[in-house]
PDB file of N, CA and C in Angstrom:
ATOM      1  N   MET A   1     259.945 -88.692  59.252  1.00  0.00           N
ATOM      2  CA  MET A   1     259.111 -89.732  59.806  1.00  0.00           C
ATOM      3  C   MET A   1     257.715 -89.163  60.091  1.00  0.00           C
ATOM      4  N   ARG A   2     256.705 -89.819  59.618  1.00  0.00           N
ATOM      5  CA  ARG A   2     255.327 -89.373  59.832  1.00  0.00           C
ATOM      6  C   ARG A   2     254.792 -89.929  61.150  1.00  0.00           C
ATOM      7  N   PRO A   3     254.032 -89.085  61.867  1.00  0.00           N
ATOM      8  CA  PRO A   3     253.418 -89.588  63.105  1.00  0.00           C
ATOM      9  C   PRO A   3     252.392 -90.676  62.789  1.00  0.00           C
ATOM     10  N   SER A   4     252.210 -91.572  63.699  1.00  0.00           N
ATOM     11  CA  SER A   4     251.233 -92.632  63.505  1.00  0.00           C
ATOM     12  C   SER A   4     250.355 -92.703  64.741  1.00  0.00           C
ATOM     13  N   PRO A   5     249.080 -92.494  64.684  1.00  0.00           N
ATOM     14  CA  PRO A   5     248.310 -92.110  63.505  1.00  0.00           C
ATOM     15  C   PRO A   5     248.590 -90.653  63.119  1.00  0.00           C
ATOM     16  N   PRO A   6     248.147 -90.239  61.933  1.00  0.00           N
ATOM     17  CA  PRO A   6     248.377 -88.860  61.484  1.00  0.00           C
ATOM     18  C   PRO A   6     247.746 -87.841  62.442  1.00  0.00           C
ATOM     19  N   LEU A   7     248.367 -86.685  62.527  1.00  0.00           N
ATOM     20  CA  LEU A   7     247.818 -85.611  63.362  1.00  0.00           C
ATOM     21  C   LEU A   7     246.541 -85.061  62.728  1.00  0.00           C
ATOM     22  N   PRO A   8     245.580 -84.612  63.551  1.00  0.00           N
ATOM     23  CA  PRO A   8     244.372 -83.993  62.994  1.00  0.00           C
ATOM     24  C   PRO A   8     244.702 -82.618  62.418  1.00  0.00           C
ATOM     25  N   ARG A   9     243.846 -82.097  61.569  1.00  0.00           N
ATOM     26  CA  ARG A   9     244.046 -80.762  60.987  1.00  0.00           C
ATOM     27  C   ARG A   9     243.725 -79.667  61.995  1.00  0.00           C
ATOM     28  N   THR A  10     242.787 -79.950  62.876  1.00  0.00           N
ATOM     29  CA  THR A  10     242.406 -78.969  63.893  1.00  0.00           C
ATOM     30  C   THR A  10     242.472 -79.621  65.264  1.00  0.00           C
ATOM     31  N   LEU A  11     242.541 -78.766  66.268  1.00  0.00           N
ATOM     32  CA  LEU A  11     242.603 -79.234  67.642  1.00  0.00           C
ATOM     33  C   LEU A  11     241.631 -78.407  68.463  1.00  0.00           C
ATOM     34  N   ASP A  12     240.808 -79.053  69.261  1.00  0.00           N
ATOM     35  CA  ASP A  12     239.876 -78.363  70.146  1.00  0.00           C
ATOM     36  C   ASP A  12     240.534 -78.247  71.517  1.00  0.00           C
ATOM     37  N   VAL A  13     240.726 -77.015  71.970  1.00  0.00           N
ATOM     38  CA  VAL A  13     241.355 -76.753  73.256  1.00  0.00           C
ATOM     39  C   VAL A  13     240.291 -76.195  74.194  1.00  0.00           C
ATOM     40  N   ALA A  14     240.094 -76.841  75.340  1.00  0.00           N
ATOM     41  CA  ALA A  14     239.098 -76.391  76.311  1.00  0.00           C
ATOM     42  C   ALA A  14     239.743 -76.302  77.688  1.00  0.00           C
ATOM     43  N   TYR A  15     239.358 -75.285  78.455  1.00  0.00           N
ATOM     44  CA  TYR A  15     239.912 -75.105  79.794  1.00  0.00           C
ATOM     45  C   TYR A  15     238.985 -74.233  80.624  1.00  0.00           C
ATOM     46  N   LEU A  16     239.233 -74.195  81.922  1.00  0.00           N
ATOM     47  CA  LEU A  16     238.534 -73.287  82.833  1.00  0.00           C
ATOM     48  C   LEU A  16     239.484 -72.168  83.202  1.00  0.00           C
ATOM     49  N   ASP A  17     239.017 -70.918  83.098  1.00  0.00           N
ATOM     50  CA  ASP A  17     239.873 -69.810  83.514  1.00  0.00           C
ATOM     51  C   ASP A  17     239.781 -69.641  85.032  1.00  0.00           C
ATOM     52  N   PRO A  18     240.597 -68.752  85.623  1.00  0.00           N
ATOM     53  CA  PRO A  18     240.606 -68.606  87.078  1.00  0.00           C
ATOM     54  C   PRO A  18     239.257 -68.248  87.698  1.00  0.00           C
ATOM     55  N   SER A  19     238.366 -67.631  86.924  1.00  0.00           N
ATOM     56  CA  SER A  19     237.045 -67.276  87.461  1.00  0.00           C
ATOM     57  C   SER A  19     236.093 -68.475  87.447  1.00  0.00           C
ATOM     58  N   GLY A  20     236.522 -69.585  86.827  1.00  0.00           N
ATOM     59  CA  GLY A  20     235.663 -70.754  86.728  1.00  0.00           C
ATOM     60  C   GLY A  20     234.876 -70.815  85.427  1.00  0.00           C
ATOM     61  N   GLU A  21     235.031 -69.801  84.587  1.00  0.00           N
ATOM     62  CA  GLU A  21     234.339 -69.776  83.291  1.00  0.00           C
ATOM     63  C   GLU A  21     235.024 -70.742  82.333  1.00  0.00           C
ATOM     64  N   GLY A  22     234.232 -71.467  81.573  1.00  0.00           N
ATOM     65  CA  GLY A  22     234.773 -72.381  80.575  1.00  0.00           C
ATOM     66  C   GLY A  22     235.081 -71.652  79.279  1.00  0.00           C
ATOM     67  N   ARG A  23     236.146 -72.043  78.652  1.00  0.00           N
ATOM     68  CA  ARG A  23     236.549 -71.490  77.360  1.00  0.00           C
ATOM     69  C   ARG A  23     236.927 -72.661  76.466  1.00  0.00           C
ATOM     70  N   ASP A  24     236.690 -72.504  75.164  1.00  0.00           N
ATOM     71  CA  ASP A  24     237.206 -73.496  74.246  1.00  0.00           C
ATOM     72  C   ASP A  24     237.407 -72.859  72.880  1.00  0.00           C
ATOM     73  N   TYR A  25     238.371 -73.364  72.171  1.00  0.00           N
ATOM     74  CA  TYR A  25     238.743 -72.853  70.856  1.00  0.00           C
ATOM     75  C   TYR A  25     239.088 -74.031  69.966  1.00  0.00           C
ATOM     76  N   VAL A  26     238.792 -73.890  68.689  1.00  0.00           N
ATOM     77  CA  VAL A  26     239.255 -74.839  67.692  1.00  0.00           C
ATOM     78  C   VAL A  26     240.352 -74.126  66.914  1.00  0.00           C
ATOM     79  N   VAL A  27     241.528 -74.729  66.892  1.00  0.00           N
ATOM     80  CA  VAL A  27     242.667 -74.107  66.224  1.00  0.00           C
ATOM     81  C   VAL A  27     243.164 -74.994  65.095  1.00  0.00           C
ATOM     82  N   SER A  28     243.669 -74.355  64.074  1.00  0.00           N
ATOM     83  CA  SER A  28     244.278 -75.046  62.946  1.00  0.00           C
ATOM     84  C   SER A  28     245.744 -75.307  63.296  1.00  0.00           C
ATOM     85  N   LEU A  29     246.148 -76.559  63.295  1.00  0.00           N
ATOM     86  CA  LEU A  29     247.541 -76.875  63.607  1.00  0.00           C
ATOM     87  C   LEU A  29     248.496 -76.287  62.575  1.00  0.00           C
ATOM     88  N   ARG A  30     248.052 -76.166  61.338  1.00  0.00           N
ATOM     89  CA  ARG A  30     248.889 -75.543  60.300  1.00  0.00           C
ATOM     90  C   ARG A  30     249.143 -74.071  60.627  1.00  0.00           C
ATOM     91  N   THR A  31     248.118 -73.357  61.082  1.00  0.00           N
ATOM     92  CA  THR A  31     248.268 -71.949  61.446  1.00  0.00           C
ATOM     93  C   THR A  31     249.218 -71.798  62.626  1.00  0.00           C
ATOM     94  N   VAL A  32     249.063 -72.642  63.622  1.00  0.00           N
ATOM     95  CA  VAL A  32     249.927 -72.580  64.803  1.00  0.00           C
ATOM     96  C   VAL A  32     251.371 -72.875  64.409  1.00  0.00           C
ATOM     97  N   ALA A  33     251.584 -73.907  63.610  1.00  0.00           N
ATOM     98  CA  ALA A  33     252.942 -74.290  63.215  1.00  0.00           C
ATOM     99  C   ALA A  33     253.618 -73.208  62.373  1.00  0.00           C
ATOM    100  N   ALA A  34     252.841 -72.426  61.619  1.00  0.00           N
ATOM    101  CA  ALA A  34     253.400 -71.390  60.755  1.00  0.00           C
ATOM    102  C   ALA A  34     253.665 -70.075  61.489  1.00  0.00           C
ATOM    103  N   ALA A  35     253.210 -69.949  62.728  1.00  0.00           N
ATOM    104  CA  ALA A  35     253.372 -68.698  63.481  1.00  0.00           C
ATOM    105  C   ALA A  35     254.848 -68.396  63.701  1.00  0.00           C
ATOM    106  N   LYS A  36     255.212 -67.148  63.556  1.00  0.00           N
ATOM    107  CA  LYS A  36     256.583 -66.683  63.792  1.00  0.00           C
ATOM    108  C   LYS A  36     256.640 -66.084  65.192  1.00  0.00           C
ATOM    109  N   LEU A  37     257.080 -66.873  66.162  1.00  0.00           N
ATOM    110  CA  LEU A  37     257.100 -66.432  67.552  1.00  0.00           C
ATOM    111  C   LEU A  37     258.503 -66.047  67.989  1.00  0.00           C
ATOM    112  N   LYS A  38     258.589 -64.976  68.756  1.00  0.00           N
ATOM    113  CA  LYS A  38     259.848 -64.552  69.369  1.00  0.00           C
ATOM    114  C   LYS A  38     259.969 -65.254  70.713  1.00  0.00           C
ATOM    115  N   PRO A  39     261.167 -65.327  71.269  1.00  0.00           N
ATOM    116  CA  PRO A  39     261.307 -65.929  72.605  1.00  0.00           C
ATOM    117  C   PRO A  39     260.362 -65.251  73.605  1.00  0.00           C
ATOM    118  N   GLY A  40     259.667 -66.047  74.394  1.00  0.00           N
ATOM    119  CA  GLY A  40     258.742 -65.511  75.388  1.00  0.00           C
ATOM    120  C   GLY A  40     257.345 -65.254  74.867  1.00  0.00           C
ATOM    121  N   GLN A  41     257.099 -65.535  73.589  1.00  0.00           N
ATOM    122  CA  GLN A  41     255.760 -65.349  73.023  1.00  0.00           C
ATOM    123  C   GLN A  41     255.057 -66.690  72.893  1.00  0.00           C
ATOM    124  N   TYR A  42     253.740 -66.619  72.913  1.00  0.00           N
ATOM    125  CA  TYR A  42     252.878 -67.778  72.747  1.00  0.00           C
ATOM    126  C   TYR A  42     251.894 -67.483  71.632  1.00  0.00           C
ATOM    127  N   TRP A  43     251.474 -68.529  70.920  1.00  0.00           N
ATOM    128  CA  TRP A  43     250.474 -68.348  69.877  1.00  0.00           C
ATOM    129  C   TRP A  43     249.108 -68.198  70.511  1.00  0.00           C
ATOM    130  N   THR A  44     248.323 -67.217  70.051  1.00  0.00           N
ATOM    131  CA  THR A  44     246.928 -67.059  70.440  1.00  0.00           C
ATOM    132  C   THR A  44     246.117 -66.802  69.175  1.00  0.00           C
ATOM    133  N   GLU A  45     244.817 -66.936  69.268  1.00  0.00           N
ATOM    134  CA  GLU A  45     243.985 -66.662  68.091  1.00  0.00           C
ATOM    135  C   GLU A  45     244.059 -65.195  67.678  1.00  0.00           C
ATOM    136  N   ASP A  46     244.543 -64.322  68.568  1.00  0.00           N
ATOM    137  CA  ASP A  46     244.703 -62.899  68.267  1.00  0.00           C
ATOM    138  C   ASP A  46     246.120 -62.564  67.831  1.00  0.00           C
ATOM    139  N   GLY A  47     246.942 -63.575  67.598  1.00  0.00           N
ATOM    140  CA  GLY A  47     248.327 -63.357  67.193  1.00  0.00           C
ATOM    141  C   GLY A  47     249.276 -63.615  68.356  1.00  0.00           C
ATOM    142  N   PRO A  48     250.591 -63.495  68.108  1.00  0.00           N
ATOM    143  CA  PRO A  48     251.576 -63.757  69.152  1.00  0.00           C
ATOM    144  C   PRO A  48     251.418 -62.801  70.336  1.00  0.00           C
ATOM    145  N   ARG A  49     251.517 -63.353  71.550  1.00  0.00           N
ATOM    146  CA  ARG A  49     251.423 -62.542  72.768  1.00  0.00           C
ATOM    147  C   ARG A  49     252.373 -63.104  73.819  1.00  0.00           C
ATOM    148  N   THR A  50     252.804 -62.210  74.712  1.00  0.00           N
ATOM    149  CA  THR A  50     253.598 -62.645  75.851  1.00  0.00           C
ATOM    150  C   THR A  50     252.647 -63.126  76.944  1.00  0.00           C
ATOM    151  N   ALA A  51     253.197 -63.789  77.960  1.00  0.00           N
ATOM    152  CA  ALA A  51     252.364 -64.251  79.067  1.00  0.00           C
ATOM    153  C   ALA A  51     251.653 -63.074  79.735  1.00  0.00           C
ATOM    154  N   ALA A  52     252.353 -61.947  79.912  1.00  0.00           N
ATOM    155  CA  ALA A  52     251.745 -60.762  80.537  1.00  0.00           C
ATOM    156  C   ALA A  52     250.581 -60.249  79.682  1.00  0.00           C
ATOM    157  N   GLN A  53     250.734 -60.240  78.367  1.00  0.00           N
ATOM    158  CA  GLN A  53     249.646 -59.788  77.500  1.00  0.00           C
ATOM    159  C   GLN A  53     248.453 -60.730  77.577  1.00  0.00           C
ATOM    160  N   ILE A  54     248.719 -62.021  77.644  1.00  0.00           N
ATOM    161  CA  ILE A  54     247.637 -62.994  77.764  1.00  0.00           C
ATOM    162  C   ILE A  54     246.914 -62.810  79.083  1.00  0.00           C
ATOM    163  N   ASP A  55     247.654 -62.617  80.170  1.00  0.00           N
ATOM    164  CA  ASP A  55     247.048 -62.438  81.490  1.00  0.00           C
ATOM    165  C   ASP A  55     246.188 -61.181  81.563  1.00  0.00           C
ATOM    166  N   CYS A  56     246.541 -60.130  80.828  1.00  0.00           N
ATOM    167  CA  CYS A  56     245.791 -58.867  80.846  1.00  0.00           C
ATOM    168  C   CYS A  56     244.616 -58.877  79.885  1.00  0.00           C
ATOM    169  N   HIS A  57     244.581 -59.810  78.957  1.00  0.00           N
ATOM    170  CA  HIS A  57     243.538 -59.862  77.931  1.00  0.00           C
ATOM    171  C   HIS A  57     242.233 -60.357  78.540  1.00  0.00           C
ATOM    172  N   THR A  58     241.167 -59.612  78.341  1.00  0.00           N
ATOM    173  CA  THR A  58     239.849 -60.005  78.824  1.00  0.00           C
ATOM    174  C   THR A  58     239.011 -60.464  77.654  1.00  0.00           C
ATOM    175  N   VAL A  59     238.442 -61.643  77.757  1.00  0.00           N
ATOM    176  CA  VAL A  59     237.562 -62.173  76.722  1.00  0.00           C
ATOM    177  C   VAL A  59     236.139 -61.777  77.081  1.00  0.00           C
ATOM    178  N   THR A  60     235.429 -61.176  76.125  1.00  0.00           N
ATOM    179  CA  THR A  60     234.035 -60.790  76.364  1.00  0.00           C
ATOM    180  C   THR A  60     233.123 -61.557  75.462  1.00  0.00           C
TER     181      THR A  60
END
């Protein structure tokens, strides 16, 4: 069954981090759907990461 309306090819994700800094990313839904994640991992633009790895990652 196809979604109605069709899903977009990309998704813009925007949020505020704990410091109040704004972040946003455009992600390809095809790339996210194709990711091979292990239990406890999340997709990131830098590849699969655990919550602890995401929390320790500093964006510059």
